[in-house]
PDB file of N, CA and C in Angstrom:
ATOM      1  N   UNK A   1    -121.372  23.261 -44.220  1.00  0.00           N
ATOM      2  CA  UNK A   1    -122.667  23.757 -43.808  1.00  0.00           C
ATOM      3  C   UNK A   1    -122.448  24.719 -42.648  1.00  0.00           C
ATOM      4  N   UNK A   2    -123.157  25.834 -42.709  1.00  0.00           N
ATOM      5  CA  UNK A   2    -123.071  26.863 -41.688  1.00  0.00           C
ATOM      6  C   UNK A   2    -124.494  27.259 -41.307  1.00  0.00           C
ATOM      7  N   UNK A   3    -124.769  27.301 -40.020  1.00  0.00           N
ATOM      8  CA  UNK A   3    -126.070  27.743 -39.516  1.00  0.00           C
ATOM      9  C   UNK A   3    -125.813  28.695 -38.357  1.00  0.00           C
ATOM     10  N   UNK A   4    -126.486  29.836 -38.370  1.00  0.00           N
ATOM     11  CA  UNK A   4    -126.362  30.757 -37.243  1.00  0.00           C
ATOM     12  C   UNK A   4    -127.731  31.331 -36.911  1.00  0.00           C
ATOM     13  N   UNK A   5    -127.877  31.723 -35.673  1.00  0.00           N
ATOM     14  CA  UNK A   5    -129.081  32.419 -35.219  1.00  0.00           C
ATOM     15  C   UNK A   5    -128.643  33.647 -34.447  1.00  0.00           C
ATOM     16  N   UNK A   6    -129.427  34.697 -34.571  1.00  0.00           N
ATOM     17  CA  UNK A   6    -129.138  35.906 -33.821  1.00  0.00           C
ATOM     18  C   UNK A   6    -130.412  36.723 -33.669  1.00  0.00           C
ATOM     19  N   UNK A   7    -130.404  37.640 -32.751  1.00  0.00           N
ATOM     20  CA  UNK A   7    -131.508  38.576 -32.584  1.00  0.00           C
ATOM     21  C   UNK A   7    -131.042  39.894 -33.160  1.00  0.00           C
ATOM     22  N   UNK A   8    -131.816  40.427 -34.101  1.00  0.00           N
ATOM     23  CA  UNK A   8    -131.490  41.705 -34.729  1.00  0.00           C
ATOM     24  C   UNK A   8    -132.714  42.582 -34.620  1.00  0.00           C
ATOM     25  N   UNK A   9    -132.586  43.662 -33.868  1.00  0.00           N
ATOM     26  CA  UNK A   9    -133.703  44.534 -33.552  1.00  0.00           C
ATOM     27  C   UNK A   9    -134.805  43.691 -32.920  1.00  0.00           C
ATOM     28  N   UNK A  10    -135.980  43.595 -33.519  1.00  0.00           N
ATOM     29  CA  UNK A  10    -137.069  42.807 -32.933  1.00  0.00           C
ATOM     30  C   UNK A  10    -137.315  41.531 -33.711  1.00  0.00           C
ATOM     31  N   UNK A  11    -136.274  41.031 -34.389  1.00  0.00           N
ATOM     32  CA  UNK A  11    -136.411  39.834 -35.214  1.00  0.00           C
ATOM     33  C   UNK A  11    -135.397  38.768 -34.821  1.00  0.00           C
ATOM     34  N   UNK A  12    -135.788  37.542 -35.011  1.00  0.00           N
ATOM     35  CA  UNK A  12    -134.878  36.412 -34.894  1.00  0.00           C
ATOM     36  C   UNK A  12    -134.428  36.095 -36.314  1.00  0.00           C
ATOM     37  N   UNK A  13    -133.124  36.073 -36.539  1.00  0.00           N
ATOM     38  CA  UNK A  13    -132.573  35.869 -37.880  1.00  0.00           C
ATOM     39  C   UNK A  13    -131.809  34.553 -37.903  1.00  0.00           C
ATOM     40  N   UNK A  14    -132.180  33.700 -38.839  1.00  0.00           N
ATOM     41  CA  UNK A  14    -131.535  32.396 -39.016  1.00  0.00           C
ATOM     42  C   UNK A  14    -130.859  32.411 -40.381  1.00  0.00           C
ATOM     43  N   UNK A  15    -129.579  32.093 -40.407  1.00  0.00           N
ATOM     44  CA  UNK A  15    -128.822  32.047 -41.655  1.00  0.00           C
ATOM     45  C   UNK A  15    -128.331  30.626 -41.871  1.00  0.00           C
ATOM     46  N   UNK A  16    -128.566  30.113 -43.070  1.00  0.00           N
ATOM     47  CA  UNK A  16    -128.148  28.758 -43.429  1.00  0.00           C
ATOM     48  C   UNK A  16    -127.349  28.873 -44.718  1.00  0.00           C
ATOM     49  N   UNK A  17    -126.116  28.351 -44.710  1.00  0.00           N
ATOM     50  CA  UNK A  17    -125.250  28.452 -45.876  1.00  0.00           C
ATOM     51  C   UNK A  17    -124.623  27.102 -46.166  1.00  0.00           C
ATOM     52  N   UNK A  18    -124.538  26.764 -47.452  1.00  0.00           N
ATOM     53  CA  UNK A  18    -123.842  25.540 -47.831  1.00  0.00           C
ATOM     54  C   UNK A  18    -122.658  25.887 -48.733  1.00  0.00           C
ATOM     55  N   UNK A  19    -121.891  24.888 -49.070  1.00  0.00           N
ATOM     56  CA  UNK A  19    -120.719  25.100 -49.917  1.00  0.00           C
ATOM     57  C   UNK A  19    -120.863  24.310 -51.218  1.00  0.00           C
ATOM     58  N   UNK A  20    -122.101  24.186 -51.691  1.00  0.00           N
ATOM     59  CA  UNK A  20    -122.356  23.454 -52.927  1.00  0.00           C
ATOM     60  C   UNK A  20    -122.017  24.281 -54.151  1.00  0.00           C
ATOM     61  N   UNK A  21    -122.508  23.850 -55.276  1.00  0.00           N
ATOM     62  CA  UNK A  21    -122.198  24.505 -56.557  1.00  0.00           C
ATOM     63  C   UNK A  21    -123.005  25.774 -56.789  1.00  0.00           C
ATOM     64  N   UNK A  22    -123.972  26.062 -55.940  1.00  0.00           N
ATOM     65  CA  UNK A  22    -124.767  27.273 -56.075  1.00  0.00           C
ATOM     66  C   UNK A  22    -125.943  27.108 -57.011  1.00  0.00           C
ATOM     67  N   UNK A  23    -126.753  28.147 -57.078  1.00  0.00           N
ATOM     68  CA  UNK A  23    -127.933  28.192 -57.941  1.00  0.00           C
ATOM     69  C   UNK A  23    -127.617  29.183 -59.059  1.00  0.00           C
ATOM     70  N   UNK A  24    -127.886  28.801 -60.290  1.00  0.00           N
ATOM     71  CA  UNK A  24    -127.626  29.693 -61.417  1.00  0.00           C
ATOM     72  C   UNK A  24    -128.395  30.998 -61.241  1.00  0.00           C
ATOM     73  N   UNK A  25    -127.750  32.088 -61.596  1.00  0.00           N
ATOM     74  CA  UNK A  25    -128.346  33.414 -61.435  1.00  0.00           C
ATOM     75  C   UNK A  25    -129.706  33.523 -62.127  1.00  0.00           C
ATOM     76  N   UNK A  26    -129.847  32.928 -63.291  1.00  0.00           N
ATOM     77  CA  UNK A  26    -131.118  32.983 -64.020  1.00  0.00           C
ATOM     78  C   UNK A  26    -132.243  32.270 -63.272  1.00  0.00           C
ATOM     79  N   UNK A  27    -131.901  31.262 -62.470  1.00  0.00           N
ATOM     80  CA  UNK A  27    -132.907  30.510 -61.715  1.00  0.00           C
ATOM     81  C   UNK A  27    -133.224  31.144 -60.369  1.00  0.00           C
ATOM     82  N   UNK A  28    -132.320  31.933 -59.827  1.00  0.00           N
ATOM     83  CA  UNK A  28    -132.449  32.453 -58.467  1.00  0.00           C
ATOM     84  C   UNK A  28    -133.726  33.262 -58.261  1.00  0.00           C
ATOM     85  N   UNK A  29    -134.149  34.016 -59.262  1.00  0.00           N
ATOM     86  CA  UNK A  29    -135.348  34.844 -59.082  1.00  0.00           C
ATOM     87  C   UNK A  29    -136.639  34.030 -59.050  1.00  0.00           C
ATOM     88  N   UNK A  30    -136.576  32.754 -59.398  1.00  0.00           N
ATOM     89  CA  UNK A  30    -137.768  31.905 -59.436  1.00  0.00           C
ATOM     90  C   UNK A  30    -137.832  30.868 -58.310  1.00  0.00           C
ATOM     91  N   UNK A  31    -136.848  30.815 -57.439  1.00  0.00           N
ATOM     92  CA  UNK A  31    -136.752  29.700 -56.488  1.00  0.00           C
ATOM     93  C   UNK A  31    -137.922  29.597 -55.517  1.00  0.00           C
ATOM     94  N   UNK A  32    -138.644  30.693 -55.287  1.00  0.00           N
ATOM     95  CA  UNK A  32    -139.794  30.648 -54.377  1.00  0.00           C
ATOM     96  C   UNK A  32    -141.119  30.500 -55.131  1.00  0.00           C
ATOM     97  N   UNK A  33    -141.066  30.347 -56.439  1.00  0.00           N
ATOM     98  CA  UNK A  33    -142.261  30.195 -57.262  1.00  0.00           C
ATOM     99  C   UNK A  33    -142.750  28.745 -57.193  1.00  0.00           C
ATOM    100  N   UNK A  34    -144.040  28.549 -56.846  1.00  0.00           N
ATOM    101  CA  UNK A  34    -144.560  27.177 -56.780  1.00  0.00           C
ATOM    102  C   UNK A  34    -144.370  26.438 -58.102  1.00  0.00           C
ATOM    103  N   UNK A  35    -143.931  25.209 -58.004  1.00  0.00           N
ATOM    104  CA  UNK A  35    -143.736  24.273 -59.113  1.00  0.00           C
ATOM    105  C   UNK A  35    -142.542  24.590 -60.010  1.00  0.00           C
ATOM    106  N   UNK A  36    -141.759  25.633 -59.679  1.00  0.00           N
ATOM    107  CA  UNK A  36    -140.560  25.904 -60.478  1.00  0.00           C
ATOM    108  C   UNK A  36    -139.478  24.886 -60.106  1.00  0.00           C
ATOM    109  N   UNK A  37    -138.909  24.261 -61.093  1.00  0.00           N
ATOM    110  CA  UNK A  37    -137.846  23.292 -60.855  1.00  0.00           C
ATOM    111  C   UNK A  37    -136.863  23.322 -62.011  1.00  0.00           C
ATOM    112  N   UNK A  38    -135.643  22.995 -61.737  1.00  0.00           N
ATOM    113  CA  UNK A  38    -134.631  22.873 -62.784  1.00  0.00           C
ATOM    114  C   UNK A  38    -134.392  21.412 -63.125  1.00  0.00           C
ATOM    115  N   UNK A  39    -135.115  20.529 -62.452  1.00  0.00           N
ATOM    116  CA  UNK A  39    -134.971  19.093 -62.694  1.00  0.00           C
ATOM    117  C   UNK A  39    -135.760  18.691 -63.938  1.00  0.00           C
ATOM    118  N   UNK A  40    -135.392  17.573 -64.546  1.00  0.00           N
ATOM    119  CA  UNK A  40    -136.166  17.076 -65.694  1.00  0.00           C
ATOM    120  C   UNK A  40    -137.615  16.782 -65.295  1.00  0.00           C
ATOM    121  N   UNK A  41    -138.516  16.841 -66.248  1.00  0.00           N
ATOM    122  CA  UNK A  41    -139.940  16.589 -66.008  1.00  0.00           C
ATOM    123  C   UNK A  41    -140.113  15.215 -65.357  1.00  0.00           C
ATOM    124  N   UNK A  42    -140.889  15.192 -64.282  1.00  0.00           N
ATOM    125  CA  UNK A  42    -141.153  13.954 -63.565  1.00  0.00           C
ATOM    126  C   UNK A  42    -140.179  13.665 -62.440  1.00  0.00           C
ATOM    127  N   UNK A  43    -139.149  14.490 -62.266  1.00  0.00           N
ATOM    128  CA  UNK A  43    -138.160  14.236 -61.214  1.00  0.00           C
ATOM    129  C   UNK A  43    -138.199  15.239 -60.077  1.00  0.00           C
ATOM    130  N   UNK A  44    -139.154  16.129 -60.068  1.00  0.00           N
ATOM    131  CA  UNK A  44    -139.261  17.088 -58.974  1.00  0.00           C
ATOM    132  C   UNK A  44    -140.458  17.989 -59.188  1.00  0.00           C
ATOM    133  N   UNK A  45    -141.105  18.370 -58.090  1.00  0.00           N
ATOM    134  CA  UNK A  45    -142.293  19.206 -58.203  1.00  0.00           C
ATOM    135  C   UNK A  45    -142.008  20.673 -57.962  1.00  0.00           C
ATOM    136  N   UNK A  46    -140.882  21.019 -57.356  1.00  0.00           N
ATOM    137  CA  UNK A  46    -140.557  22.411 -57.132  1.00  0.00           C
ATOM    138  C   UNK A  46    -141.447  23.088 -56.111  1.00  0.00           C
ATOM    139  N   UNK A  47    -141.769  22.399 -55.041  1.00  0.00           N
ATOM    140  CA  UNK A  47    -142.628  22.990 -54.015  1.00  0.00           C
ATOM    141  C   UNK A  47    -141.903  23.346 -52.723  1.00  0.00           C
ATOM    142  N   UNK A  48    -140.747  22.785 -52.477  1.00  0.00           N
ATOM    143  CA  UNK A  48    -140.080  22.941 -51.186  1.00  0.00           C
ATOM    144  C   UNK A  48    -139.865  24.378 -50.760  1.00  0.00           C
ATOM    145  N   UNK A  49    -139.210  25.188 -51.586  1.00  0.00           N
ATOM    146  CA  UNK A  49    -138.940  26.569 -51.205  1.00  0.00           C
ATOM    147  C   UNK A  49    -140.186  27.433 -51.255  1.00  0.00           C
ATOM    148  N   UNK A  50    -141.139  27.109 -52.123  1.00  0.00           N
ATOM    149  CA  UNK A  50    -142.406  27.848 -52.160  1.00  0.00           C
ATOM    150  C   UNK A  50    -143.171  27.646 -50.851  1.00  0.00           C
ATOM    151  N   UNK A  51    -143.154  26.431 -50.333  1.00  0.00           N
ATOM    152  CA  UNK A  51    -143.811  26.152 -49.052  1.00  0.00           C
ATOM    153  C   UNK A  51    -143.087  26.873 -47.918  1.00  0.00           C
ATOM    154  N   UNK A  52    -141.767  26.835 -47.931  1.00  0.00           N
ATOM    155  CA  UNK A  52    -140.988  27.567 -46.915  1.00  0.00           C
ATOM    156  C   UNK A  52    -141.314  29.055 -46.943  1.00  0.00           C
ATOM    157  N   UNK A  53    -141.408  29.613 -48.150  1.00  0.00           N
ATOM    158  CA  UNK A  53    -141.726  31.031 -48.300  1.00  0.00           C
ATOM    159  C   UNK A  53    -143.114  31.324 -47.727  1.00  0.00           C
ATOM    160  N   UNK A  54    -144.087  30.496 -48.064  1.00  0.00           N
ATOM    161  CA  UNK A  54    -145.453  30.690 -47.571  1.00  0.00           C
ATOM    162  C   UNK A  54    -145.507  30.645 -46.041  1.00  0.00           C
ATOM    163  N   UNK A  55    -144.865  29.660 -45.448  1.00  0.00           N
ATOM    164  CA  UNK A  55    -144.881  29.528 -43.987  1.00  0.00           C
ATOM    165  C   UNK A  55    -144.186  30.719 -43.341  1.00  0.00           C
ATOM    166  N   UNK A  56    -143.010  31.066 -43.835  1.00  0.00           N
ATOM    167  CA  UNK A  56    -142.226  32.154 -43.238  1.00  0.00           C
ATOM    168  C   UNK A  56    -142.898  33.509 -43.415  1.00  0.00           C
ATOM    169  N   UNK A  57    -143.284  33.821 -44.638  1.00  0.00           N
ATOM    170  CA  UNK A  57    -143.773  35.164 -44.952  1.00  0.00           C
ATOM    171  C   UNK A  57    -145.267  35.345 -44.704  1.00  0.00           C
ATOM    172  N   UNK A  58    -146.060  34.419 -45.213  1.00  0.00           N
ATOM    173  CA  UNK A  58    -147.512  34.582 -45.125  1.00  0.00           C
ATOM    174  C   UNK A  58    -148.075  34.193 -43.759  1.00  0.00           C
ATOM    175  N   UNK A  59    -147.575  33.118 -43.188  1.00  0.00           N
ATOM    176  CA  UNK A  59    -148.134  32.646 -41.926  1.00  0.00           C
ATOM    177  C   UNK A  59    -147.475  33.254 -40.691  1.00  0.00           C
ATOM    178  N   UNK A  60    -146.213  33.693 -40.814  1.00  0.00           N
ATOM    179  CA  UNK A  60    -145.506  34.207 -39.634  1.00  0.00           C
ATOM    180  C   UNK A  60    -144.997  35.634 -39.797  1.00  0.00           C
ATOM    181  N   UNK A  61    -145.428  36.306 -40.880  1.00  0.00           N
ATOM    182  CA  UNK A  61    -145.069  37.703 -41.114  1.00  0.00           C
ATOM    183  C   UNK A  61    -143.546  37.925 -41.111  1.00  0.00           C
ATOM    184  N   UNK A  62    -142.824  36.969 -41.654  1.00  0.00           N
ATOM    185  CA  UNK A  62    -141.368  37.059 -41.697  1.00  0.00           C
ATOM    186  C   UNK A  62    -140.864  37.348 -43.092  1.00  0.00           C
ATOM    187  N   UNK A  63    -139.572  37.144 -43.262  1.00  0.00           N
ATOM    188  CA  UNK A  63    -138.921  37.345 -44.554  1.00  0.00           C
ATOM    189  C   UNK A  63    -138.022  36.151 -44.838  1.00  0.00           C
ATOM    190  N   UNK A  64    -137.939  35.774 -46.103  1.00  0.00           N
ATOM    191  CA  UNK A  64    -137.068  34.687 -46.542  1.00  0.00           C
ATOM    192  C   UNK A  64    -136.372  35.149 -47.808  1.00  0.00           C
ATOM    193  N   UNK A  65    -135.054  35.079 -47.811  1.00  0.00           N
ATOM    194  CA  UNK A  65    -134.305  35.489 -48.990  1.00  0.00           C
ATOM    195  C   UNK A  65    -133.168  34.509 -49.230  1.00  0.00           C
ATOM    196  N   UNK A  66    -132.673  34.515 -50.457  1.00  0.00           N
ATOM    197  CA  UNK A  66    -131.578  33.632 -50.811  1.00  0.00           C
ATOM    198  C   UNK A  66    -130.590  34.329 -51.727  1.00  0.00           C
ATOM    199  N   UNK A  67    -129.333  34.014 -51.551  1.00  0.00           N
ATOM    200  CA  UNK A  67    -128.274  34.480 -52.437  1.00  0.00           C
ATOM    201  C   UNK A  67    -127.433  33.269 -52.809  1.00  0.00           C
ATOM    202  N   UNK A  68    -126.754  33.365 -53.938  1.00  0.00           N
ATOM    203  CA  UNK A  68    -125.980  32.218 -54.367  1.00  0.00           C
ATOM    204  C   UNK A  68    -124.853  32.643 -55.299  1.00  0.00           C
ATOM    205  N   UNK A  69    -123.786  31.858 -55.270  1.00  0.00           N
ATOM    206  CA  UNK A  69    -122.679  32.003 -56.212  1.00  0.00           C
ATOM    207  C   UNK A  69    -122.010  30.640 -56.355  1.00  0.00           C
ATOM    208  N   UNK A  70    -120.886  30.589 -57.036  1.00  0.00           N
ATOM    209  CA  UNK A  70    -120.218  29.306 -57.294  1.00  0.00           C
ATOM    210  C   UNK A  70    -119.707  28.625 -56.024  1.00  0.00           C
ATOM    211  N   UNK A  71    -119.586  29.377 -54.926  1.00  0.00           N
ATOM    212  CA  UNK A  71    -119.097  28.801 -53.676  1.00  0.00           C
ATOM    213  C   UNK A  71    -120.203  28.274 -52.774  1.00  0.00           C
ATOM    214  N   UNK A  72    -121.463  28.508 -53.150  1.00  0.00           N
ATOM    215  CA  UNK A  72    -122.554  27.992 -52.342  1.00  0.00           C
ATOM    216  C   UNK A  72    -123.764  28.908 -52.323  1.00  0.00           C
ATOM    217  N   UNK A  73    -124.728  28.527 -51.518  1.00  0.00           N
ATOM    218  CA  UNK A  73    -125.994  29.247 -51.412  1.00  0.00           C
ATOM    219  C   UNK A  73    -126.259  29.581 -49.955  1.00  0.00           C
ATOM    220  N   UNK A  74    -126.857  30.748 -49.734  1.00  0.00           N
ATOM    221  CA  UNK A  74    -127.185  31.180 -48.379  1.00  0.00           C
ATOM    222  C   UNK A  74    -128.639  31.626 -48.338  1.00  0.00           C
ATOM    223  N   UNK A  75    -129.379  31.105 -47.364  1.00  0.00           N
ATOM    224  CA  UNK A  75    -130.747  31.523 -47.120  1.00  0.00           C
ATOM    225  C   UNK A  75    -130.809  32.208 -45.773  1.00  0.00           C
ATOM    226  N   UNK A  76    -131.585  33.286 -45.717  1.00  0.00           N
ATOM    227  CA  UNK A  76    -131.785  34.024 -44.478  1.00  0.00           C
ATOM    228  C   UNK A  76    -133.276  34.085 -44.183  1.00  0.00           C
ATOM    229  N   UNK A  77    -133.617  33.656 -42.990  1.00  0.00           N
ATOM    230  CA  UNK A  77    -134.992  33.698 -42.504  1.00  0.00           C
ATOM    231  C   UNK A  77    -135.038  34.719 -41.383  1.00  0.00           C
ATOM    232  N   UNK A  78    -135.959  35.653 -41.462  1.00  0.00           N
ATOM    233  CA  UNK A  78    -136.131  36.655 -40.414  1.00  0.00           C
ATOM    234  C   UNK A  78    -137.566  36.573 -39.924  1.00  0.00           C
ATOM    235  N   UNK A  79    -137.720  36.309 -38.641  1.00  0.00           N
ATOM    236  CA  UNK A  79    -139.047  36.172 -38.035  1.00  0.00           C
ATOM    237  C   UNK A  79    -139.203  37.167 -36.899  1.00  0.00           C
ATOM    238  N   UNK A  80    -140.371  37.805 -36.797  1.00  0.00           N
ATOM    239  CA  UNK A  80    -140.591  38.699 -35.667  1.00  0.00           C
ATOM    240  C   UNK A  80    -140.554  37.894 -34.370  1.00  0.00           C
ATOM    241  N   UNK A  81    -139.840  38.416 -33.394  1.00  0.00           N
ATOM    242  CA  UNK A  81    -139.804  37.719 -32.111  1.00  0.00           C
ATOM    243  C   UNK A  81    -141.089  38.019 -31.356  1.00  0.00           C
ATOM    244  N   UNK A  82    -141.579  37.023 -30.654  1.00  0.00           N
ATOM    245  CA  UNK A  82    -142.777  37.256 -29.853  1.00  0.00           C
ATOM    246  C   UNK A  82    -142.332  37.716 -28.481  1.00  0.00           C
ATOM    247  N   UNK A  83    -142.984  38.708 -28.002  1.00  0.00           N
ATOM    248  CA  UNK A  83    -142.658  39.258 -26.689  1.00  0.00           C
ATOM    249  C   UNK A  83    -143.455  38.491 -25.650  1.00  0.00           C
ATOM    250  N   UNK A  84    -142.769  37.759 -24.791  1.00  0.00           N
ATOM    251  CA  UNK A  84    -143.458  36.953 -23.786  1.00  0.00           C
ATOM    252  C   UNK A  84    -143.987  37.773 -22.631  1.00  0.00           C
ATOM    253  N   UNK A  85    -143.669  39.064 -22.607  1.00  0.00           N
ATOM    254  CA  UNK A  85    -144.156  39.922 -21.527  1.00  0.00           C
ATOM    255  C   UNK A  85    -145.498  40.496 -21.935  1.00  0.00           C
ATOM    256  N   UNK A  86    -146.562  39.857 -21.503  1.00  0.00           N
ATOM    257  CA  UNK A  86    -147.913  40.314 -21.792  1.00  0.00           C
ATOM    258  C   UNK A  86    -148.582  40.687 -20.485  1.00  0.00           C
ATOM    259  N   UNK A  87    -149.405  41.705 -20.550  1.00  0.00           N
ATOM    260  CA  UNK A  87    -150.128  42.113 -19.346  1.00  0.00           C
ATOM    261  C   UNK A  87    -151.507  41.468 -19.356  1.00  0.00           C
ATOM    262  N   UNK A  88    -151.925  40.976 -18.222  1.00  0.00           N
ATOM    263  CA  UNK A  88    -153.236  40.354 -18.074  1.00  0.00           C
ATOM    264  C   UNK A  88    -154.034  41.143 -17.047  1.00  0.00           C
ATOM    265  N   UNK A  89    -155.263  41.415 -17.380  1.00  0.00           N
ATOM    266  CA  UNK A  89    -156.146  42.130 -16.443  1.00  0.00           C
ATOM    267  C   UNK A  89    -157.050  41.171 -15.736  1.00  0.00           C
TER     268      UNK A  89
END
């Protein structure tokens, strides 16, 4: 497992990588789709990544992406950093 954080331009970027078997290429384009699952019927609802996508992108104006191969999967979250320097009148 690998996790890193960094500031890139005006964004906070979080990278999470594992060393599992990866996600099949045919499934990768659907991983953020609500209720999409590769599990047998009744063994998973397929909401986890859809909820993550909604929170990251819709609620925080960020970006969430994933890549995968036989050596593992990597997700990158990019969130706009909030500037704590605000002027008050």
